[in-house]
């Protein structure tokens, strides 16, 4: 059985680092289109996974889905889960 702790505050997630069975999930509320390697490295210091909105994963033009961005690949390449 897994326990997920989700927060948009890195200090909250850092407190739960002492509980190795807890999965720490960083919630990113604003829509983002990508993440740099330094920022992903920083996230790995306090979270095991990242949760983003659907708008962060796709490119939209008007009401049409025009494609996907590289956020999923960037997060997975850093060995983090994405929700």
N, C-alpha and C. Protein backbone atom coordinates (compact mmCIF):
# COMPACT_ATOMS: atom_id res chain seq x y z
N UNK A 1 0.84 -1.17 0.00
CA UNK A 1 0.00 0.00 0.00
C UNK A 1 0.90 1.25 0.00
N UNK A 2 0.56 2.20 -0.87
CA UNK A 2 1.35 3.43 -0.96
C UNK A 2 0.55 4.61 -0.45
N UNK A 3 1.27 5.54 0.15
CA UNK A 3 0.67 6.79 0.60
C UNK A 3 1.27 7.90 -0.25
N UNK A 4 0.42 8.71 -0.87
CA UNK A 4 0.86 9.82 -1.69
C UNK A 4 0.63 11.12 -0.92
N UNK A 5 1.67 11.91 -0.80
CA UNK A 5 1.58 13.24 -0.20
C UNK A 5 1.74 14.23 -1.34
N UNK A 6 0.72 15.03 -1.60
CA UNK A 6 0.83 16.01 -2.68
C UNK A 6 0.72 17.41 -2.12
N UNK A 7 1.57 18.28 -2.68
CA UNK A 7 1.60 19.67 -2.25
C UNK A 7 2.24 20.51 -3.33
N UNK A 8 1.90 21.79 -3.34
CA UNK A 8 2.56 22.72 -4.25
C UNK A 8 3.71 23.45 -3.55
N UNK A 9 3.99 23.04 -2.32
CA UNK A 9 5.03 23.67 -1.50
C UNK A 9 6.18 22.68 -1.28
N UNK A 10 7.36 23.04 -1.74
CA UNK A 10 8.51 22.14 -1.63
C UNK A 10 8.91 21.87 -0.18
N UNK A 11 8.72 22.83 0.69
CA UNK A 11 9.11 22.63 2.08
C UNK A 11 8.22 21.59 2.76
N UNK A 12 6.96 21.53 2.38
CA UNK A 12 6.05 20.51 2.93
C UNK A 12 6.52 19.13 2.49
N UNK A 13 6.85 19.00 1.21
CA UNK A 13 7.31 17.71 0.70
C UNK A 13 8.64 17.30 1.32
N UNK A 14 9.50 18.26 1.58
CA UNK A 14 10.79 17.95 2.19
C UNK A 14 10.64 17.36 3.58
N UNK A 15 9.63 17.79 4.32
CA UNK A 15 9.39 17.27 5.66
C UNK A 15 9.09 15.77 5.61
N UNK A 16 8.40 15.33 4.56
CA UNK A 16 8.01 13.93 4.45
C UNK A 16 9.11 13.06 3.84
N UNK A 17 10.26 13.62 3.59
CA UNK A 17 11.37 12.86 3.03
C UNK A 17 11.85 11.78 3.99
N UNK A 18 11.64 11.97 5.28
CA UNK A 18 12.09 11.00 6.28
C UNK A 18 11.21 9.76 6.32
N UNK A 19 10.10 9.75 5.57
CA UNK A 19 9.23 8.59 5.48
C UNK A 19 9.40 7.97 4.09
N UNK A 20 10.29 7.00 3.93
CA UNK A 20 10.61 6.48 2.60
C UNK A 20 9.45 5.78 1.89
N UNK A 21 8.46 5.31 2.62
CA UNK A 21 7.32 4.65 1.97
C UNK A 21 6.31 5.64 1.40
N UNK A 22 6.41 6.91 1.79
CA UNK A 22 5.50 7.93 1.27
C UNK A 22 6.01 8.41 -0.08
N UNK A 23 5.12 8.54 -1.05
CA UNK A 23 5.46 9.09 -2.36
C UNK A 23 5.09 10.57 -2.35
N UNK A 24 6.07 11.42 -2.59
CA UNK A 24 5.87 12.87 -2.54
C UNK A 24 5.60 13.39 -3.95
N UNK A 25 4.50 14.10 -4.12
CA UNK A 25 4.06 14.58 -5.43
C UNK A 25 3.99 16.10 -5.41
N UNK A 26 4.76 16.73 -6.30
CA UNK A 26 4.73 18.18 -6.44
C UNK A 26 3.59 18.54 -7.39
N UNK A 27 2.69 19.40 -6.95
CA UNK A 27 1.57 19.87 -7.76
C UNK A 27 1.96 21.20 -8.39
N UNK A 28 1.93 21.24 -9.73
CA UNK A 28 2.25 22.47 -10.45
C UNK A 28 0.94 22.97 -11.06
N UNK A 29 0.37 24.02 -10.46
CA UNK A 29 -0.94 24.52 -10.89
C UNK A 29 -0.92 25.33 -12.19
N UNK A 30 0.00 26.24 -12.36
CA UNK A 30 -0.05 27.00 -13.62
C UNK A 30 0.31 26.11 -14.80
N UNK A 31 -0.21 26.46 -15.95
CA UNK A 31 0.10 25.71 -17.17
C UNK A 31 1.54 26.00 -17.56
N UNK A 32 2.31 24.94 -17.76
CA UNK A 32 3.70 25.06 -18.18
C UNK A 32 3.86 24.33 -19.51
N UNK A 33 4.86 24.70 -20.28
CA UNK A 33 5.05 24.04 -21.57
C UNK A 33 6.30 23.16 -21.59
N UNK A 34 7.11 23.24 -20.57
CA UNK A 34 8.32 22.45 -20.51
C UNK A 34 9.03 22.70 -19.20
N UNK A 35 10.13 21.97 -19.01
CA UNK A 35 10.91 22.14 -17.78
C UNK A 35 12.38 21.99 -18.12
N UNK A 36 13.18 22.86 -17.57
CA UNK A 36 14.62 22.79 -17.82
C UNK A 36 15.25 21.71 -16.94
N UNK A 37 16.42 21.25 -17.34
CA UNK A 37 17.12 20.21 -16.57
C UNK A 37 17.45 20.68 -15.16
N UNK A 38 17.90 21.93 -14.96
CA UNK A 38 18.16 22.38 -13.58
C UNK A 38 16.90 22.38 -12.70
N UNK A 39 15.77 22.79 -13.27
CA UNK A 39 14.54 22.81 -12.46
C UNK A 39 14.06 21.40 -12.14
N UNK A 40 14.22 20.48 -13.09
CA UNK A 40 13.85 19.09 -12.83
C UNK A 40 14.78 18.49 -11.77
N UNK A 41 16.06 18.83 -11.84
CA UNK A 41 17.00 18.37 -10.82
C UNK A 41 16.64 18.87 -9.44
N UNK A 42 16.17 20.09 -9.37
CA UNK A 42 15.74 20.66 -8.09
C UNK A 42 14.50 19.94 -7.57
N UNK A 43 13.56 19.65 -8.47
CA UNK A 43 12.33 18.94 -8.08
C UNK A 43 12.67 17.56 -7.53
N UNK A 44 13.63 16.88 -8.14
CA UNK A 44 14.02 15.54 -7.68
C UNK A 44 14.52 15.54 -6.24
N UNK A 45 14.97 16.70 -5.75
CA UNK A 45 15.47 16.79 -4.39
C UNK A 45 14.39 16.66 -3.33
N UNK A 46 13.15 16.94 -3.68
CA UNK A 46 12.09 16.87 -2.68
C UNK A 46 10.83 16.15 -3.14
N UNK A 47 10.76 15.67 -4.38
CA UNK A 47 9.55 15.00 -4.87
C UNK A 47 9.90 13.75 -5.66
N UNK A 48 8.98 12.79 -5.66
CA UNK A 48 9.12 11.56 -6.43
C UNK A 48 8.30 11.61 -7.71
N UNK A 49 7.36 12.54 -7.77
CA UNK A 49 6.46 12.64 -8.91
C UNK A 49 6.01 14.08 -9.07
N UNK A 50 5.45 14.37 -10.24
CA UNK A 50 4.95 15.71 -10.55
C UNK A 50 3.52 15.56 -11.07
N UNK A 51 2.65 16.45 -10.65
CA UNK A 51 1.28 16.46 -11.15
C UNK A 51 1.03 17.80 -11.85
N UNK A 52 0.61 17.73 -13.11
CA UNK A 52 0.34 18.95 -13.88
C UNK A 52 -1.06 18.86 -14.48
N UNK A 53 -1.55 19.98 -14.95
CA UNK A 53 -2.86 19.99 -15.59
C UNK A 53 -2.73 19.51 -17.04
N UNK A 54 -3.83 19.13 -17.62
CA UNK A 54 -3.85 18.65 -19.00
C UNK A 54 -3.31 19.70 -19.96
N UNK A 55 -3.57 20.96 -19.67
CA UNK A 55 -3.09 22.04 -20.52
C UNK A 55 -1.59 22.14 -20.61
N UNK A 56 -0.89 21.55 -19.64
CA UNK A 56 0.57 21.56 -19.67
C UNK A 56 1.14 20.49 -20.59
N UNK A 57 0.32 19.57 -21.05
CA UNK A 57 0.81 18.46 -21.85
C UNK A 57 0.54 18.61 -23.34
N UNK A 58 -0.38 19.50 -23.70
CA UNK A 58 -0.79 19.62 -25.10
C UNK A 58 -0.67 21.06 -25.58
N UNK A 59 -0.57 21.21 -26.89
CA UNK A 59 -0.61 22.53 -27.51
C UNK A 59 -1.99 22.72 -28.12
N UNK A 60 -2.59 23.85 -27.84
CA UNK A 60 -3.94 24.12 -28.31
C UNK A 60 -3.94 25.42 -29.10
N UNK A 61 -4.62 25.41 -30.22
CA UNK A 61 -4.80 26.60 -31.04
C UNK A 61 -6.30 26.82 -31.16
N UNK A 62 -6.80 27.83 -30.47
CA UNK A 62 -8.26 28.03 -30.43
C UNK A 62 -8.88 26.89 -29.64
N UNK A 63 -9.73 26.13 -30.29
CA UNK A 63 -10.35 24.98 -29.63
C UNK A 63 -9.79 23.66 -30.16
N UNK A 64 -8.69 23.72 -30.89
CA UNK A 64 -8.15 22.53 -31.53
C UNK A 64 -6.83 22.10 -30.90
N UNK A 65 -6.71 20.82 -30.65
CA UNK A 65 -5.47 20.24 -30.18
C UNK A 65 -4.52 20.14 -31.37
N UNK A 66 -3.38 20.80 -31.26
CA UNK A 66 -2.44 20.82 -32.39
C UNK A 66 -1.23 19.93 -32.17
N UNK A 67 -1.03 19.42 -30.96
CA UNK A 67 0.11 18.55 -30.71
C UNK A 67 0.42 18.43 -29.24
N UNK A 68 1.45 17.70 -28.98
CA UNK A 68 1.90 17.49 -27.61
C UNK A 68 3.27 18.12 -27.44
N UNK A 69 3.57 18.56 -26.21
CA UNK A 69 4.91 19.09 -25.97
C UNK A 69 5.79 18.00 -25.37
N UNK A 70 7.01 18.34 -25.03
CA UNK A 70 7.99 17.36 -24.56
C UNK A 70 8.04 17.20 -23.05
N UNK A 71 7.07 17.74 -22.34
CA UNK A 71 7.10 17.70 -20.88
C UNK A 71 7.11 16.26 -20.35
N UNK A 72 6.32 15.38 -20.92
CA UNK A 72 6.26 14.00 -20.45
C UNK A 72 7.64 13.35 -20.59
N UNK A 73 8.25 13.51 -21.73
CA UNK A 73 9.57 12.93 -21.96
C UNK A 73 10.61 13.50 -21.01
N UNK A 74 10.57 14.82 -20.80
CA UNK A 74 11.54 15.46 -19.92
C UNK A 74 11.42 14.95 -18.48
N UNK A 75 10.19 14.80 -18.01
CA UNK A 75 9.97 14.32 -16.64
C UNK A 75 10.37 12.85 -16.52
N UNK A 76 9.96 12.03 -17.48
CA UNK A 76 10.30 10.61 -17.43
C UNK A 76 11.79 10.37 -17.58
N UNK A 77 12.47 11.17 -18.39
CA UNK A 77 13.92 11.03 -18.55
C UNK A 77 14.66 11.30 -17.24
N UNK A 78 14.06 12.10 -16.39
CA UNK A 78 14.65 12.40 -15.08
C UNK A 78 14.27 11.37 -14.04
N UNK A 79 13.59 10.30 -14.47
CA UNK A 79 13.18 9.21 -13.59
C UNK A 79 12.16 9.66 -12.53
N UNK A 80 11.27 10.57 -12.92
CA UNK A 80 10.17 11.01 -12.09
C UNK A 80 8.87 10.53 -12.72
N UNK A 81 7.86 10.30 -11.89
CA UNK A 81 6.54 9.95 -12.40
C UNK A 81 5.78 11.23 -12.71
N UNK A 82 4.85 11.13 -13.63
CA UNK A 82 4.03 12.28 -14.00
C UNK A 82 2.56 11.90 -13.88
N UNK A 83 1.80 12.74 -13.17
CA UNK A 83 0.36 12.49 -12.99
C UNK A 83 -0.39 13.68 -13.55
